[in-house]
Amino acid sequence: GSDEDIYTERNKLGELLVPKILGAIDGDLDNTVFSFIPNTAEVAYFGMLEGLESHFNRQKAALLFEKGNRLNQEEIERILSKRVRSEKVAI
């Protein structure tokens, strides 16, 4: 699986899984850790993470917009520091 087209396809596959994954976890990215067992699914896993990060960034932007100037520096930093949690499982 080193062909560029296959890489792009697998990456997109992971990204396309994001809506179903978010539904399965009720959108709770704060209490969810994503992982995978290394194999050829790794590219799809990274595509999924990219899609989740994009979703999370849109959520953060909406929250910042909604709260506007009612947030202090610490609250803004807390919102911006949130990341999708992921781990690589070694077997």
PDB file of N, CA and C in Angstrom:
ATOM      1  N   GLY A   1       0.770  -1.191   0.000  1.00  0.00           N
ATOM      2  CA  GLY A   1       0.000   0.000   0.000  1.00  0.00           C
ATOM      3  C   GLY A   1       0.818   1.266   0.000  1.00  0.00           C
ATOM      4  N   SER A   2       1.845   1.399  -0.848  1.00  0.00           N
ATOM      5  CA  SER A   2       2.617   2.643  -0.860  1.00  0.00           C
ATOM      6  C   SER A   2       2.245   3.551  -2.030  1.00  0.00           C
ATOM      7  N   ASP A   3       1.354   3.117  -2.866  1.00  0.00           N
ATOM      8  CA  ASP A   3       0.919   3.918  -4.000  1.00  0.00           C
ATOM      9  C   ASP A   3       0.202   5.178  -3.508  1.00  0.00           C
ATOM     10  N   GLU A   4       0.493   6.320  -4.112  1.00  0.00           N
ATOM     11  CA  GLU A   4      -0.078   7.601  -3.673  1.00  0.00           C
ATOM     12  C   GLU A   4      -1.604   7.607  -3.713  1.00  0.00           C
ATOM     13  N   ASP A   5      -2.191   6.996  -4.737  1.00  0.00           N
ATOM     14  CA  ASP A   5      -3.653   6.954  -4.831  1.00  0.00           C
ATOM     15  C   ASP A   5      -4.266   6.149  -3.687  1.00  0.00           C
ATOM     16  N   ILE A   6      -3.625   5.034  -3.348  1.00  0.00           N
ATOM     17  CA  ILE A   6      -4.113   4.213  -2.239  1.00  0.00           C
ATOM     18  C   ILE A   6      -4.002   4.992  -0.937  1.00  0.00           C
ATOM     19  N   TYR A   7      -2.877   5.683  -0.746  1.00  0.00           N
ATOM     20  CA  TYR A   7      -2.693   6.501   0.457  1.00  0.00           C
ATOM     21  C   TYR A   7      -3.807   7.541   0.571  1.00  0.00           C
ATOM     22  N   THR A   8      -4.057   8.259  -0.515  1.00  0.00           N
ATOM     23  CA  THR A   8      -5.088   9.302  -0.522  1.00  0.00           C
ATOM     24  C   THR A   8      -6.462   8.705  -0.239  1.00  0.00           C
ATOM     25  N   GLU A   9      -6.741   7.558  -0.832  1.00  0.00           N
ATOM     26  CA  GLU A   9      -8.034   6.900  -0.635  1.00  0.00           C
ATOM     27  C   GLU A   9      -8.216   6.471   0.821  1.00  0.00           C
ATOM     28  N   ARG A  10      -7.196   5.886   1.409  1.00  0.00           N
ATOM     29  CA  ARG A  10      -7.294   5.433   2.803  1.00  0.00           C
ATOM     30  C   ARG A  10      -7.405   6.613   3.756  1.00  0.00           C
ATOM     31  N   ASN A  11      -6.672   7.676   3.467  1.00  0.00           N
ATOM     32  CA  ASN A  11      -6.755   8.874   4.301  1.00  0.00           C
ATOM     33  C   ASN A  11      -8.171   9.429   4.266  1.00  0.00           C
ATOM     34  N   LYS A  12      -8.756   9.489   3.080  1.00  0.00           N
ATOM     35  CA  LYS A  12     -10.124   9.996   2.923  1.00  0.00           C
ATOM     36  C   LYS A  12     -11.125   9.070   3.612  1.00  0.00           C
ATOM     37  N   LEU A  13     -10.894   7.771   3.564  1.00  0.00           N
ATOM     38  CA  LEU A  13     -11.761   6.813   4.241  1.00  0.00           C
ATOM     39  C   LEU A  13     -11.844   7.140   5.730  1.00  0.00           C
ATOM     40  N   GLY A  14     -10.704   7.380   6.352  1.00  0.00           N
ATOM     41  CA  GLY A  14     -10.699   7.734   7.769  1.00  0.00           C
ATOM     42  C   GLY A  14     -11.480   9.003   8.033  1.00  0.00           C
ATOM     43  N   GLU A  15     -11.301   9.992   7.175  1.00  0.00           N
ATOM     44  CA  GLU A  15     -12.015  11.262   7.333  1.00  0.00           C
ATOM     45  C   GLU A  15     -13.522  11.065   7.184  1.00  0.00           C
ATOM     46  N   LEU A  16     -13.926  10.206   6.258  1.00  0.00           N
ATOM     47  CA  LEU A  16     -15.353   9.967   6.023  1.00  0.00           C
ATOM     48  C   LEU A  16     -16.031   9.236   7.186  1.00  0.00           C
ATOM     49  N   LEU A  17     -15.245   8.587   8.034  1.00  0.00           N
ATOM     50  CA  LEU A  17     -15.795   7.885   9.194  1.00  0.00           C
ATOM     51  C   LEU A  17     -16.174   8.829  10.334  1.00  0.00           C
ATOM     52  N   VAL A  18     -15.686  10.065  10.286  1.00  0.00           N
ATOM     53  CA  VAL A  18     -15.866  11.010  11.396  1.00  0.00           C
ATOM     54  C   VAL A  18     -17.322  11.196  11.817  1.00  0.00           C
ATOM     55  N   PRO A  19     -18.269  11.451  10.922  1.00  0.00           N
ATOM     56  CA  PRO A  19     -19.650  11.643  11.384  1.00  0.00           C
ATOM     57  C   PRO A  19     -20.205  10.447  12.164  1.00  0.00           C
ATOM     58  N   LYS A  20     -19.934   9.225  11.695  1.00  0.00           N
ATOM     59  CA  LYS A  20     -20.415   8.029  12.400  1.00  0.00           C
ATOM     60  C   LYS A  20     -19.713   7.875  13.747  1.00  0.00           C
ATOM     61  N   ILE A  21     -18.437   8.172  13.788  1.00  0.00           N
ATOM     62  CA  ILE A  21     -17.691   8.076  15.045  1.00  0.00           C
ATOM     63  C   ILE A  21     -18.229   9.079  16.050  1.00  0.00           C
ATOM     64  N   LEU A  22     -18.437  10.314  15.603  1.00  0.00           N
ATOM     65  CA  LEU A  22     -18.973  11.339  16.508  1.00  0.00           C
ATOM     66  C   LEU A  22     -20.345  10.933  17.039  1.00  0.00           C
ATOM     67  N   GLY A  23     -21.162  10.315  16.198  1.00  0.00           N
ATOM     68  CA  GLY A  23     -22.464   9.831  16.648  1.00  0.00           C
ATOM     69  C   GLY A  23     -22.326   8.724  17.681  1.00  0.00           C
ATOM     70  N   ALA A  24     -21.368   7.823  17.464  1.00  0.00           N
ATOM     71  CA  ALA A  24     -21.171   6.696  18.379  1.00  0.00           C
ATOM     72  C   ALA A  24     -20.699   7.143  19.759  1.00  0.00           C
ATOM     73  N   ILE A  25     -19.973   8.263  19.813  1.00  0.00           N
ATOM     74  CA  ILE A  25     -19.475   8.751  21.110  1.00  0.00           C
ATOM     75  C   ILE A  25     -20.281   9.941  21.608  1.00  0.00           C
ATOM     76  N   ASP A  26     -21.429  10.183  20.984  1.00  0.00           N
ATOM     77  CA  ASP A  26     -22.282  11.327  21.338  1.00  0.00           C
ATOM     78  C   ASP A  26     -21.511  12.644  21.331  1.00  0.00           C
ATOM     79  N   GLY A  27     -20.540  12.760  20.425  1.00  0.00           N
ATOM     80  CA  GLY A  27     -19.778  13.995  20.276  1.00  0.00           C
ATOM     81  C   GLY A  27     -18.843  14.300  21.428  1.00  0.00           C
ATOM     82  N   ASP A  28     -18.634  13.354  22.341  1.00  0.00           N
ATOM     83  CA  ASP A  28     -17.834  13.590  23.549  1.00  0.00           C
ATOM     84  C   ASP A  28     -16.343  13.381  23.284  1.00  0.00           C
ATOM     85  N   LEU A  29     -15.717  14.370  22.656  1.00  0.00           N
ATOM     86  CA  LEU A  29     -14.287  14.274  22.354  1.00  0.00           C
ATOM     87  C   LEU A  29     -13.427  14.463  23.599  1.00  0.00           C
ATOM     88  N   ASP A  30     -13.958  15.131  24.619  1.00  0.00           N
ATOM     89  CA  ASP A  30     -13.182  15.363  25.840  1.00  0.00           C
ATOM     90  C   ASP A  30     -12.886  14.066  26.590  1.00  0.00           C
ATOM     91  N   ASN A  31     -13.767  13.092  26.508  1.00  0.00           N
ATOM     92  CA  ASN A  31     -13.618  11.856  27.277  1.00  0.00           C
ATOM     93  C   ASN A  31     -13.390  10.637  26.399  1.00  0.00           C
ATOM     94  N   THR A  32     -12.873  10.855  25.207  1.00  0.00           N
ATOM     95  CA  THR A  32     -12.637   9.762  24.266  1.00  0.00           C
ATOM     96  C   THR A  32     -11.173   9.758  23.847  1.00  0.00           C
ATOM     97  N   VAL A  33     -10.570   8.569  23.836  1.00  0.00           N
ATOM     98  CA  VAL A  33      -9.205   8.399  23.335  1.00  0.00           C
ATOM     99  C   VAL A  33      -9.288   7.472  22.125  1.00  0.00           C
ATOM    100  N   PHE A  34      -8.743   7.892  21.013  1.00  0.00           N
ATOM    101  CA  PHE A  34      -8.750   7.100  19.790  1.00  0.00           C
ATOM    102  C   PHE A  34      -7.440   6.340  19.680  1.00  0.00           C
ATOM    103  N   SER A  35      -7.509   5.118  19.174  1.00  0.00           N
ATOM    104  CA  SER A  35      -6.319   4.305  19.054  1.00  0.00           C
ATOM    105  C   SER A  35      -6.466   3.353  17.867  1.00  0.00           C
ATOM    106  N   PHE A  36      -5.386   2.670  17.553  1.00  0.00           N
ATOM    107  CA  PHE A  36      -5.411   1.666  16.501  1.00  0.00           C
ATOM    108  C   PHE A  36      -4.248   0.720  16.710  1.00  0.00           C
ATOM    109  N   ILE A  37      -4.364  -0.451  16.156  1.00  0.00           N
ATOM    110  CA  ILE A  37      -3.259  -1.401  16.160  1.00  0.00           C
ATOM    111  C   ILE A  37      -2.574  -1.251  14.809  1.00  0.00           C
ATOM    112  N   PRO A  38      -1.267  -0.941  14.810  1.00  0.00           N
ATOM    113  CA  PRO A  38      -0.563  -0.640  13.555  1.00  0.00           C
ATOM    114  C   PRO A  38      -0.695  -1.739  12.497  1.00  0.00           C
ATOM    115  N   ASN A  39      -1.086  -1.328  11.326  1.00  0.00           N
ATOM    116  CA  ASN A  39      -1.122  -2.157  10.120  1.00  0.00           C
ATOM    117  C   ASN A  39      -1.430  -1.221   8.957  1.00  0.00           C
ATOM    118  N   THR A  40      -2.005  -1.711   7.909  1.00  0.00           N
ATOM    119  CA  THR A  40      -2.279  -0.833   6.768  1.00  0.00           C
ATOM    120  C   THR A  40      -3.403   0.152   7.047  1.00  0.00           C
ATOM    121  N   ALA A  41      -4.124  -0.012   8.165  1.00  0.00           N
ATOM    122  CA  ALA A  41      -5.196   0.929   8.519  1.00  0.00           C
ATOM    123  C   ALA A  41      -4.642   2.231   9.086  1.00  0.00           C
ATOM    124  N   GLU A  42      -3.338   2.315   9.264  1.00  0.00           N
ATOM    125  CA  GLU A  42      -2.734   3.499   9.870  1.00  0.00           C
ATOM    126  C   GLU A  42      -3.057   4.768   9.088  1.00  0.00           C
ATOM    127  N   VAL A  43      -3.022   4.703   7.781  1.00  0.00           N
ATOM    128  CA  VAL A  43      -3.306   5.882   6.961  1.00  0.00           C
ATOM    129  C   VAL A  43      -4.750   6.335   7.177  1.00  0.00           C
ATOM    130  N   ALA A  44      -5.694   5.389   7.212  1.00  0.00           N
ATOM    131  CA  ALA A  44      -7.094   5.738   7.462  1.00  0.00           C
ATOM    132  C   ALA A  44      -7.246   6.327   8.860  1.00  0.00           C
ATOM    133  N   TYR A  45      -6.498   5.799   9.818  1.00  0.00           N
ATOM    134  CA  TYR A  45      -6.527   6.321  11.191  1.00  0.00           C
ATOM    135  C   TYR A  45      -6.105   7.789  11.202  1.00  0.00           C
ATOM    136  N   PHE A  46      -5.032   8.112  10.506  1.00  0.00           N
ATOM    137  CA  PHE A  46      -4.573   9.503  10.475  1.00  0.00           C
ATOM    138  C   PHE A  46      -5.562  10.402   9.737  1.00  0.00           C
ATOM    139  N   GLY A  47      -6.204   9.886   8.706  1.00  0.00           N
ATOM    140  CA  GLY A  47      -7.259  10.647   8.040  1.00  0.00           C
ATOM    141  C   GLY A  47      -8.419  10.919   8.983  1.00  0.00           C
ATOM    142  N   MET A  48      -8.768   9.903   9.797  1.00  0.00           N
ATOM    143  CA  MET A  48      -9.823  10.068  10.785  1.00  0.00           C
ATOM    144  C   MET A  48      -9.441  11.145  11.788  1.00  0.00           C
ATOM    145  N   LEU A  49      -8.194  11.110  12.271  1.00  0.00           N
ATOM    146  CA  LEU A  49      -7.745  12.121  13.234  1.00  0.00           C
ATOM    147  C   LEU A  49      -7.800  13.523  12.639  1.00  0.00           C
ATOM    148  N   GLU A  50      -7.406  13.658  11.373  1.00  0.00           N
ATOM    149  CA  GLU A  50      -7.480  14.970  10.715  1.00  0.00           C
ATOM    150  C   GLU A  50      -8.922  15.463  10.653  1.00  0.00           C
ATOM    151  N   GLY A  51      -9.837  14.563  10.313  1.00  0.00           N
ATOM    152  CA  GLY A  51     -11.248  14.928  10.268  1.00  0.00           C
ATOM    153  C   GLY A  51     -11.782  15.309  11.635  1.00  0.00           C
ATOM    154  N   LEU A  52     -11.379  14.566  12.673  1.00  0.00           N
ATOM    155  CA  LEU A  52     -11.807  14.882  14.037  1.00  0.00           C
ATOM    156  C   LEU A  52     -11.248  16.222  14.489  1.00  0.00           C
ATOM    157  N   GLU A  53      -9.984  16.499  14.161  1.00  0.00           N
ATOM    158  CA  GLU A  53      -9.382  17.791  14.524  1.00  0.00           C
ATOM    159  C   GLU A  53     -10.122  18.938  13.839  1.00  0.00           C
ATOM    160  N   SER A  54     -10.480  18.752  12.574  1.00  0.00           N
ATOM    161  CA  SER A  54     -11.236  19.793  11.865  1.00  0.00           C
ATOM    162  C   SER A  54     -12.577  20.036  12.540  1.00  0.00           C
ATOM    163  N   HIS A  55     -13.254  18.947  12.900  1.00  0.00           N
ATOM    164  CA  HIS A  55     -14.540  19.070  13.602  1.00  0.00           C
ATOM    165  C   HIS A  55     -14.356  19.788  14.935  1.00  0.00           C
ATOM    166  N   PHE A  56     -13.351  19.378  15.698  1.00  0.00           N
ATOM    167  CA  PHE A  56     -13.080  19.977  17.012  1.00  0.00           C
ATOM    168  C   PHE A  56     -12.750  21.464  16.859  1.00  0.00           C
ATOM    169  N   ASN A  57     -11.977  21.823  15.843  1.00  0.00           N
ATOM    170  CA  ASN A  57     -11.635  23.233  15.618  1.00  0.00           C
ATOM    171  C   ASN A  57     -12.868  24.065  15.283  1.00  0.00           C
ATOM    172  N   ARG A  58     -13.794  23.490  14.512  1.00  0.00           N
ATOM    173  CA  ARG A  58     -15.047  24.205  14.229  1.00  0.00           C
ATOM    174  C   ARG A  58     -15.855  24.397  15.506  1.00  0.00           C
ATOM    175  N   GLN A  59     -15.867  23.378  16.380  1.00  0.00           N
ATOM    176  CA  GLN A  59     -16.559  23.493  17.667  1.00  0.00           C
ATOM    177  C   GLN A  59     -15.939  24.598  18.514  1.00  0.00           C
ATOM    178  N   LYS A  60     -14.614  24.636  18.565  1.00  0.00           N
ATOM    179  CA  LYS A  60     -13.918  25.652  19.370  1.00  0.00           C
ATOM    180  C   LYS A  60     -14.201  27.050  18.824  1.00  0.00           C
ATOM    181  N   ALA A  61     -14.167  27.193  17.508  1.00  0.00           N
ATOM    182  CA  ALA A  61     -14.436  28.498  16.895  1.00  0.00           C
ATOM    183  C   ALA A  61     -15.859  28.954  17.204  1.00  0.00           C
ATOM    184  N   ALA A  62     -16.820  28.033  17.126  1.00  0.00           N
ATOM    185  CA  ALA A  62     -18.216  28.378  17.416  1.00  0.00           C
ATOM    186  C   ALA A  62     -18.375  28.807  18.869  1.00  0.00           C
ATOM    187  N   LEU A  63     -17.698  28.118  19.776  1.00  0.00           N
ATOM    188  CA  LEU A  63     -17.773  28.468  21.194  1.00  0.00           C
ATOM    189  C   LEU A  63     -17.157  29.837  21.453  1.00  0.00           C
ATOM    190  N   LEU A  64     -16.001  30.100  20.850  1.00  0.00           N
ATOM    191  CA  LEU A  64     -15.359  31.408  21.013  1.00  0.00           C
ATOM    192  C   LEU A  64     -16.238  32.516  20.444  1.00  0.00           C
ATOM    193  N   PHE A  65     -16.847  32.264  19.300  1.00  0.00           N
ATOM    194  CA  PHE A  65     -17.731  33.255  18.684  1.00  0.00           C
ATOM    195  C   PHE A  65     -18.951  33.508  19.568  1.00  0.00           C
ATOM    196  N   GLU A  66     -19.518  32.421  20.092  1.00  0.00           N
ATOM    197  CA  GLU A  66     -20.715  32.517  20.930  1.00  0.00           C
ATOM    198  C   GLU A  66     -20.438  33.307  22.213  1.00  0.00           C
ATOM    199  N   LYS A  67     -19.299  33.021  22.843  1.00  0.00           N
ATOM    200  CA  LYS A  67     -18.971  33.661  24.126  1.00  0.00           C
ATOM    201  C   LYS A  67     -18.417  35.069  23.941  1.00  0.00           C
ATOM    202  N   GLY A  68     -17.831  35.326  22.777  1.00  0.00           N
ATOM    203  CA  GLY A  68     -17.323  36.666  22.464  1.00  0.00           C
ATOM    204  C   GLY A  68     -16.399  37.222  23.526  1.00  0.00           C
ATOM    205  N   ASN A  69     -16.631  38.467  23.892  1.00  0.00           N
ATOM    206  CA  ASN A  69     -15.733  39.146  24.834  1.00  0.00           C
ATOM    207  C   ASN A  69     -16.045  38.821  26.294  1.00  0.00           C
ATOM    208  N   ARG A  70     -16.883  37.816  26.537  1.00  0.00           N
ATOM    209  CA  ARG A  70     -17.175  37.417  27.920  1.00  0.00           C
ATOM    210  C   ARG A  70     -16.149  36.436  28.464  1.00  0.00           C
ATOM    211  N   LEU A  71     -15.202  36.029  27.630  1.00  0.00           N
ATOM    212  CA  LEU A  71     -14.175  35.081  28.059  1.00  0.00           C
ATOM    213  C   LEU A  71     -12.925  35.814  28.519  1.00  0.00           C
ATOM    214  N   ASN A  72     -12.297  35.288  29.568  1.00  0.00           N
ATOM    215  CA  ASN A  72     -11.013  35.848  29.978  1.00  0.00           C
ATOM    216  C   ASN A  72      -9.892  35.051  29.293  1.00  0.00           C
ATOM    217  N   GLN A  73      -8.676  35.496  29.460  1.00  0.00           N
ATOM    218  CA  GLN A  73      -7.509  34.869  28.813  1.00  0.00           C
ATOM    219  C   GLN A  73      -7.416  33.380  29.149  1.00  0.00           C
ATOM    220  N   GLU A  74      -7.601  33.031  30.408  1.00  0.00           N
ATOM    221  CA  GLU A  74      -7.493  31.633  30.839  1.00  0.00           C
ATOM    222  C   GLU A  74      -8.548  30.759  30.155  1.00  0.00           C
ATOM    223  N   GLU A  75      -9.769  31.248  30.038  1.00  0.00           N
ATOM    224  CA  GLU A  75     -10.835  30.487  29.387  1.00  0.00           C
ATOM    225  C   GLU A  75     -10.553  30.295  27.900  1.00  0.00           C
ATOM    226  N   ILE A  76     -10.040  31.319  27.260  1.00  0.00           N
ATOM    227  CA  ILE A  76      -9.688  31.219  25.837  1.00  0.00           C
ATOM    228  C   ILE A  76      -8.581  30.187  25.643  1.00  0.00           C
ATOM    229  N   GLU A  77      -7.550  30.241  26.487  1.00  0.00           N
ATOM    230  CA  GLU A  77      -6.446  29.283  26.385  1.00  0.00           C
ATOM    231  C   GLU A  77      -6.930  27.856  26.626  1.00  0.00           C
ATOM    232  N   ARG A  78      -7.853  27.667  27.562  1.00  0.00           N
ATOM    233  CA  ARG A  78      -8.396  26.340  27.852  1.00  0.00           C
ATOM    234  C   ARG A  78      -9.133  25.796  26.628  1.00  0.00           C
ATOM    235  N   ILE A  79      -9.933  26.631  25.999  1.00  0.00           N
ATOM    236  CA  ILE A  79     -10.675  26.207  24.803  1.00  0.00           C
ATOM    237  C   ILE A  79      -9.712  25.862  23.666  1.00  0.00           C
ATOM    238  N   LEU A  80      -8.737  26.727  23.423  1.00  0.00           N
ATOM    239  CA  LEU A  80      -7.809  26.516  22.309  1.00  0.00           C
ATOM    240  C   LEU A  80      -6.867  25.338  22.526  1.00  0.00           C
ATOM    241  N   SER A  81      -6.611  24.964  23.779  1.00  0.00           N
ATOM    242  CA  SER A  81      -5.664  23.885  24.055  1.00  0.00           C
ATOM    243  C   SER A  81      -6.272  22.495  23.900  1.00  0.00           C
ATOM    244  N   LYS A  82      -7.575  22.399  23.757  1.00  0.00           N
ATOM    245  CA  LYS A  82      -8.211  21.088  23.623  1.00  0.00           C
ATOM    246  C   LYS A  82      -7.779  20.423  22.326  1.00  0.00           C
ATOM    247  N   ARG A  83      -7.484  19.136  22.418  1.00  0.00           N
ATOM    248  CA  ARG A  83      -7.049  18.347  21.267  1.00  0.00           C
ATOM    249  C   ARG A  83      -7.752  16.999  21.282  1.00  0.00           C
ATOM    250  N   VAL A  84      -7.842  16.370  20.135  1.00  0.00           N
ATOM    251  CA  VAL A  84      -8.330  15.003  20.055  1.00  0.00           C
ATOM    252  C   VAL A  84      -7.261  14.120  20.689  1.00  0.00           C
ATOM    253  N   ARG A  85      -7.680  13.255  21.589  1.00  0.00           N
ATOM    254  CA  ARG A  85      -6.728  12.376  22.280  1.00  0.00           C
ATOM    255  C   ARG A  85      -6.553  11.095  21.477  1.00  0.00           C
ATOM    256  N   SER A  86      -5.300  10.712  21.260  1.00  0.00           N
ATOM    257  CA  SER A  86      -5.028   9.500  20.485  1.00  0.00           C
ATOM    258  C   SER A  86      -3.776   8.818  21.016  1.00  0.00           C
ATOM    259  N   GLU A  87      -3.741   7.512  20.853  1.00  0.00           N
ATOM    260  CA  GLU A  87      -2.604   6.698  21.282  1.00  0.00           C
ATOM    261  C   GLU A  87      -2.358   5.610  20.247  1.00  0.00           C
ATOM    262  N   LYS A  88      -1.114   5.265  20.064  1.00  0.00           N
ATOM    263  CA  LYS A  88      -0.764   4.146  19.192  1.00  0.00           C
ATOM    264  C   LYS A  88      -0.557   2.927  20.087  1.00  0.00           C
ATOM    265  N   VAL A  89      -1.267   1.845  19.822  1.00  0.00           N
ATOM    266  CA  VAL A  89      -1.177   0.635  20.624  1.00  0.00           C
ATOM    267  C   VAL A  89      -0.063  -0.238  20.070  1.00  0.00           C
ATOM    268  N   ALA A  90       0.868  -0.603  20.921  1.00  0.00           N
ATOM    269  CA  ALA A  90       1.955  -1.494  20.510  1.00  0.00           C
ATOM    270  C   ALA A  90       1.622  -2.911  20.970  1.00  0.00           C
ATOM    271  N   ILE A  91       1.732  -3.855  20.044  1.00  0.00           N
ATOM    272  CA  ILE A  91       1.452  -5.249  20.420  1.00  0.00           C
ATOM    273  C   ILE A  91       2.654  -6.118  20.156  1.00  0.00           C
TER     274      ILE A  91
END
